[in-house]
Amino acid sequence: MISFSLVVELKFNLDRYVNKRYPGLVKIVRNSKREGLIRARIHGWNAATAPVVGFFDAHVEFNMAW
């Protein structure tokens, strides 16, 4: 099975989008192998440097004044 998060072109496009849209606010953390949702979140938590960290599922929608 192909994990599309490993495709170089998609990595580049996501990195470019995040850096342009949220400069200095969002950090992308990639695992070297598939580890599952919980371990991925733990790696993200360990990489975080901000006093507040949020993990949101894909179906979450944020509105103005959230």
Protein backbone atom coordinates (compact mmCIF):
# COMPACT_ATOMS: atom_id res chain seq x y z
CA MET A 1 0.00 0.00 0.00
CA ILE A 2 1.25 3.51 -0.81
CA SER A 3 1.10 6.08 1.94
CA PHE A 4 0.51 9.32 0.08
CA SER A 5 2.02 11.32 2.95
CA LEU A 6 5.35 9.84 1.85
CA VAL A 7 5.13 11.09 -1.75
CA VAL A 8 7.80 13.78 -2.13
CA GLU A 9 5.66 16.12 -4.24
CA LEU A 10 2.85 16.07 -1.68
CA LYS A 11 5.30 16.71 1.16
CA PHE A 12 6.70 19.72 -0.67
CA ASN A 13 3.26 21.15 -1.49
CA LEU A 14 2.02 20.73 2.08
CA ASP A 15 5.18 22.28 3.54
CA ARG A 16 4.94 25.22 1.14
CA TYR A 17 1.23 25.78 1.88
CA VAL A 18 1.66 25.64 5.66
CA ASN A 19 4.70 27.94 5.62
CA LYS A 20 2.88 30.47 3.44
CA ARG A 21 -0.48 30.34 5.25
CA TYR A 22 0.73 29.93 8.85
CA PRO A 23 4.35 31.16 9.02
CA GLY A 24 5.91 30.15 12.32
CA LEU A 25 2.61 28.88 13.76
CA VAL A 26 2.35 25.29 12.49
CA LYS A 27 5.02 22.61 12.73
CA ILE A 28 4.76 19.51 10.53
CA VAL A 29 6.11 16.38 12.21
CA ARG A 30 6.57 13.24 10.15
CA ASN A 31 7.30 9.78 11.49
CA SER A 32 9.84 7.64 9.67
CA LYS A 33 7.37 4.74 9.60
CA ARG A 34 3.65 4.14 10.04
CA GLU A 35 2.90 4.14 13.74
CA GLY A 36 -0.82 4.79 14.12
CA LEU A 37 -2.82 7.76 15.34
CA ILE A 38 -1.95 7.70 19.04
CA ARG A 39 1.80 7.34 18.54
CA ALA A 40 1.71 10.05 15.86
CA ARG A 41 0.05 12.41 18.32
CA ILE A 42 2.59 11.52 21.01
CA HIS A 43 5.44 12.34 18.58
CA GLY A 44 3.72 15.64 17.81
CA TRP A 45 3.32 16.40 21.49
CA ASN A 46 7.01 15.68 22.11
CA ALA A 47 8.02 17.97 19.23
CA ALA A 48 5.79 20.85 20.38
CA THR A 49 7.40 23.95 21.84
CA ALA A 50 4.33 26.12 22.43
CA PRO A 51 2.57 26.42 25.80
CA VAL A 52 -0.70 25.35 24.14
CA VAL A 53 -0.98 22.40 21.74
CA GLY A 54 -4.10 21.25 19.90
CA PHE A 55 -4.85 18.07 18.01
CA PHE A 56 -7.91 18.20 15.79
CA ASP A 57 -9.61 15.57 13.67
CA ALA A 58 -10.35 16.21 10.00
CA HIS A 59 -14.08 16.77 10.57
CA VAL A 60 -13.58 19.71 12.95
CA GLU A 61 -14.65 23.12 11.64
CA PHE A 62 -13.50 26.41 13.17
CA ASN A 63 -15.54 29.57 12.80
CA MET A 64 -14.82 33.24 13.44
CA ALA A 65 -14.11 34.18 17.07
CA TRP A 66 -13.44 30.55 17.98
